[in-house]
Amino acid sequence: MSGDKPVGEMSFEEAMKALEAVVTRLESGDVPLEQSIALYERGAALKKRCEAKLKEAEEKVAAITLDEEGQPTGTRPLDGE
């Protein structure tokens, strides 16, 4: 199960799948309170990871440069790099 892998090491897809599993378990209503709290905290961390990975992807897309015909010509450096 992806619960063994640290959230910070997960790909976007792994984090989304784990987040979906957390939501499903919480929605079931069959989880004791203490476990619900732990699941909610993990879900929050997974959500943050997904947001960070999406931001990385958006920055990479924004760095693509196009020529006069709209064809990709390469990338430009991101601010701060």
N, C-alpha and C. Protein backbone atom coordinates (compact mmCIF):
# COMPACT_ATOMS: atom_id res chain seq x y z
N MET A 1 0.84 -1.19 0.00
CA MET A 1 0.00 0.00 0.00
C MET A 1 0.88 1.24 0.00
N SER A 2 0.42 2.32 -0.65
CA SER A 2 1.22 3.53 -0.73
C SER A 2 1.30 4.26 0.61
N GLY A 3 0.63 3.75 1.65
CA GLY A 3 0.72 4.34 2.97
C GLY A 3 2.10 4.18 3.58
N ASP A 4 2.90 3.25 3.04
CA ASP A 4 4.24 3.03 3.56
C ASP A 4 5.24 4.03 3.00
N LYS A 5 4.97 4.60 1.86
CA LYS A 5 5.89 5.52 1.20
C LYS A 5 5.68 6.93 1.77
N PRO A 6 6.76 7.62 2.12
CA PRO A 6 6.61 9.00 2.60
C PRO A 6 5.95 9.88 1.55
N VAL A 7 5.04 10.73 1.98
CA VAL A 7 4.29 11.59 1.08
C VAL A 7 5.23 12.43 0.21
N GLY A 8 6.31 12.93 0.79
CA GLY A 8 7.25 13.78 0.06
C GLY A 8 7.98 13.08 -1.06
N GLU A 9 7.92 11.76 -1.11
CA GLU A 9 8.59 10.99 -2.16
C GLU A 9 7.62 10.50 -3.23
N MET A 10 6.33 10.78 -3.06
CA MET A 10 5.33 10.28 -3.99
C MET A 10 5.25 11.12 -5.25
N SER A 11 4.96 10.43 -6.36
CA SER A 11 4.65 11.13 -7.60
C SER A 11 3.24 11.70 -7.45
N PHE A 12 2.85 12.55 -8.39
CA PHE A 12 1.51 13.10 -8.37
C PHE A 12 0.47 11.98 -8.40
N GLU A 13 0.68 11.01 -9.28
CA GLU A 13 -0.27 9.93 -9.43
C GLU A 13 -0.39 9.08 -8.16
N GLU A 14 0.75 8.80 -7.53
CA GLU A 14 0.72 8.04 -6.28
C GLU A 14 -0.02 8.81 -5.18
N ALA A 15 0.26 10.10 -5.09
CA ALA A 15 -0.39 10.92 -4.06
C ALA A 15 -1.90 11.01 -4.31
N MET A 16 -2.31 11.16 -5.57
CA MET A 16 -3.74 11.23 -5.87
C MET A 16 -4.44 9.92 -5.51
N LYS A 17 -3.82 8.81 -5.85
CA LYS A 17 -4.42 7.50 -5.54
C LYS A 17 -4.53 7.31 -4.03
N ALA A 18 -3.50 7.70 -3.30
CA ALA A 18 -3.53 7.58 -1.85
C ALA A 18 -4.58 8.52 -1.25
N LEU A 19 -4.69 9.72 -1.80
CA LEU A 19 -5.69 10.68 -1.33
C LEU A 19 -7.10 10.14 -1.56
N GLU A 20 -7.33 9.55 -2.72
CA GLU A 20 -8.64 8.96 -3.02
C GLU A 20 -8.96 7.84 -2.02
N ALA A 21 -7.96 7.05 -1.67
CA ALA A 21 -8.17 5.97 -0.69
C ALA A 21 -8.52 6.54 0.68
N VAL A 22 -7.85 7.62 1.08
CA VAL A 22 -8.13 8.26 2.36
C VAL A 22 -9.57 8.78 2.38
N VAL A 23 -9.97 9.46 1.32
CA VAL A 23 -11.33 10.01 1.24
C VAL A 23 -12.36 8.89 1.32
N THR A 24 -12.13 7.81 0.60
CA THR A 24 -13.06 6.67 0.60
C THR A 24 -13.20 6.11 2.01
N ARG A 25 -12.08 5.96 2.71
CA ARG A 25 -12.13 5.41 4.08
C ARG A 25 -12.86 6.36 5.01
N LEU A 26 -12.59 7.66 4.89
CA LEU A 26 -13.26 8.62 5.76
C LEU A 26 -14.76 8.67 5.47
N GLU A 27 -15.13 8.60 4.21
CA GLU A 27 -16.54 8.65 3.83
C GLU A 27 -17.30 7.41 4.26
N SER A 28 -16.60 6.31 4.47
CA SER A 28 -17.27 5.07 4.87
C SER A 28 -17.90 5.20 6.25
N GLY A 29 -17.31 6.04 7.09
CA GLY A 29 -17.85 6.22 8.43
C GLY A 29 -17.53 5.09 9.39
N ASP A 30 -16.76 4.12 8.94
CA ASP A 30 -16.44 2.96 9.77
C ASP A 30 -15.07 3.06 10.44
N VAL A 31 -14.53 4.26 10.51
CA VAL A 31 -13.18 4.46 11.05
C VAL A 31 -13.29 5.10 12.44
N PRO A 32 -12.61 4.53 13.43
CA PRO A 32 -12.63 5.13 14.77
C PRO A 32 -12.08 6.57 14.74
N LEU A 33 -12.48 7.36 15.71
CA LEU A 33 -12.13 8.78 15.75
C LEU A 33 -10.62 9.02 15.63
N GLU A 34 -9.82 8.33 16.43
CA GLU A 34 -8.37 8.55 16.38
C GLU A 34 -7.80 8.25 15.00
N GLN A 35 -8.28 7.19 14.40
CA GLN A 35 -7.81 6.83 13.06
C GLN A 35 -8.31 7.84 12.03
N SER A 36 -9.52 8.36 12.23
CA SER A 36 -10.05 9.39 11.34
C SER A 36 -9.18 10.63 11.36
N ILE A 37 -8.73 11.01 12.54
CA ILE A 37 -7.86 12.19 12.67
C ILE A 37 -6.55 11.95 11.92
N ALA A 38 -5.97 10.77 12.11
CA ALA A 38 -4.71 10.44 11.42
C ALA A 38 -4.92 10.42 9.90
N LEU A 39 -6.04 9.86 9.46
CA LEU A 39 -6.33 9.83 8.02
C LEU A 39 -6.52 11.23 7.47
N TYR A 40 -7.21 12.08 8.23
CA TYR A 40 -7.42 13.46 7.78
C TYR A 40 -6.08 14.18 7.64
N GLU A 41 -5.19 13.99 8.62
CA GLU A 41 -3.87 14.63 8.56
C GLU A 41 -3.08 14.12 7.36
N ARG A 42 -3.15 12.83 7.10
CA ARG A 42 -2.46 12.27 5.93
C ARG A 42 -3.08 12.83 4.65
N GLY A 43 -4.39 12.92 4.62
CA GLY A 43 -5.07 13.47 3.46
C GLY A 43 -4.64 14.91 3.19
N ALA A 44 -4.48 15.70 4.25
CA ALA A 44 -4.04 17.09 4.08
C ALA A 44 -2.63 17.13 3.50
N ALA A 45 -1.76 16.24 3.97
CA ALA A 45 -0.38 16.19 3.45
C ALA A 45 -0.38 15.74 1.99
N LEU A 46 -1.23 14.78 1.66
CA LEU A 46 -1.32 14.31 0.28
C LEU A 46 -1.85 15.40 -0.64
N LYS A 47 -2.83 16.15 -0.19
CA LYS A 47 -3.38 17.26 -0.97
C LYS A 47 -2.30 18.30 -1.24
N LYS A 48 -1.51 18.60 -0.22
CA LYS A 48 -0.43 19.57 -0.37
C LYS A 48 0.61 19.07 -1.39
N ARG A 49 0.91 17.77 -1.35
CA ARG A 49 1.86 17.18 -2.29
C ARG A 49 1.34 17.29 -3.72
N CYS A 50 0.05 16.98 -3.91
CA CYS A 50 -0.55 17.07 -5.25
C CYS A 50 -0.49 18.51 -5.76
N GLU A 51 -0.81 19.47 -4.90
CA GLU A 51 -0.75 20.87 -5.30
C GLU A 51 0.67 21.28 -5.69
N ALA A 52 1.66 20.83 -4.94
CA ALA A 52 3.05 21.17 -5.24
C ALA A 52 3.48 20.58 -6.58
N LYS A 53 3.11 19.31 -6.83
CA LYS A 53 3.47 18.67 -8.09
C LYS A 53 2.77 19.34 -9.27
N LEU A 54 1.52 19.76 -9.10
CA LEU A 54 0.82 20.48 -10.16
C LEU A 54 1.49 21.82 -10.44
N LYS A 55 1.92 22.51 -9.40
CA LYS A 55 2.60 23.80 -9.58
C LYS A 55 3.90 23.60 -10.35
N GLU A 56 4.66 22.54 -10.02
CA GLU A 56 5.89 22.24 -10.75
C GLU A 56 5.58 22.03 -12.23
N ALA A 57 4.53 21.29 -12.52
CA ALA A 57 4.17 21.02 -13.92
C ALA A 57 3.76 22.31 -14.63
N GLU A 58 2.99 23.15 -13.96
CA GLU A 58 2.57 24.43 -14.55
C GLU A 58 3.78 25.31 -14.86
N GLU A 59 4.76 25.32 -13.97
CA GLU A 59 5.96 26.12 -14.20
C GLU A 59 6.75 25.60 -15.39
N LYS A 60 6.80 24.28 -15.54
CA LYS A 60 7.51 23.70 -16.68
C LYS A 60 6.81 24.05 -17.98
N VAL A 61 5.49 23.98 -17.98
CA VAL A 61 4.72 24.33 -19.18
C VAL A 61 4.91 25.81 -19.50
N ALA A 62 4.88 26.66 -18.49
CA ALA A 62 5.04 28.10 -18.69
C ALA A 62 6.42 28.44 -19.24
N ALA A 63 7.40 27.57 -19.03
CA ALA A 63 8.76 27.84 -19.48
C ALA A 63 8.99 27.45 -20.94
N ILE A 64 8.01 26.81 -21.56
CA ILE A 64 8.16 26.42 -22.97
C ILE A 64 8.06 27.67 -23.83
N THR A 65 9.03 27.83 -24.73
CA THR A 65 9.01 28.98 -25.64
C THR A 65 8.54 28.53 -27.02
N LEU A 66 7.86 29.44 -27.71
CA LEU A 66 7.31 29.14 -29.02
C LEU A 66 7.92 30.08 -30.06
N ASP A 67 8.00 29.61 -31.31
CA ASP A 67 8.46 30.48 -32.39
C ASP A 67 7.27 31.24 -32.97
N GLU A 68 7.49 31.96 -34.06
CA GLU A 68 6.45 32.79 -34.68
C GLU A 68 5.23 31.98 -35.13
N GLU A 69 5.45 30.70 -35.46
CA GLU A 69 4.36 29.85 -35.92
C GLU A 69 3.71 29.08 -34.77
N GLY A 70 4.14 29.35 -33.55
CA GLY A 70 3.56 28.67 -32.40
C GLY A 70 4.15 27.31 -32.12
N GLN A 71 5.27 26.99 -32.74
CA GLN A 71 5.92 25.69 -32.53
C GLN A 71 6.89 25.80 -31.35
N PRO A 72 6.94 24.79 -30.50
CA PRO A 72 7.88 24.82 -29.38
C PRO A 72 9.33 24.90 -29.88
N THR A 73 10.12 25.79 -29.29
CA THR A 73 11.52 25.93 -29.69
C THR A 73 12.47 25.56 -28.57
N GLY A 74 11.96 25.34 -27.41
CA GLY A 74 12.80 25.02 -26.26
C GLY A 74 12.15 25.54 -24.99
N THR A 75 12.98 25.79 -24.03
CA THR A 75 12.47 26.34 -22.77
C THR A 75 13.28 27.54 -22.38
N ARG A 76 12.68 28.37 -21.56
CA ARG A 76 13.41 29.51 -21.00
C ARG A 76 13.62 29.22 -19.52
N PRO A 77 14.65 29.78 -18.93
CA PRO A 77 14.87 29.55 -17.50
C PRO A 77 13.74 30.14 -16.68
N LEU A 78 13.37 29.43 -15.62
CA LEU A 78 12.38 29.95 -14.69
C LEU A 78 13.02 30.98 -13.81
N ASP A 79 12.24 31.90 -13.29
CA ASP A 79 12.78 32.92 -12.37
C ASP A 79 13.49 32.21 -11.22
N GLY A 80 14.62 32.73 -10.85
CA GLY A 80 15.38 32.19 -9.73
C GLY A 80 16.29 31.05 -10.09
N GLU A 81 16.33 30.68 -11.35
CA GLU A 81 17.22 29.57 -11.74
C GLU A 81 18.37 30.11 -12.55
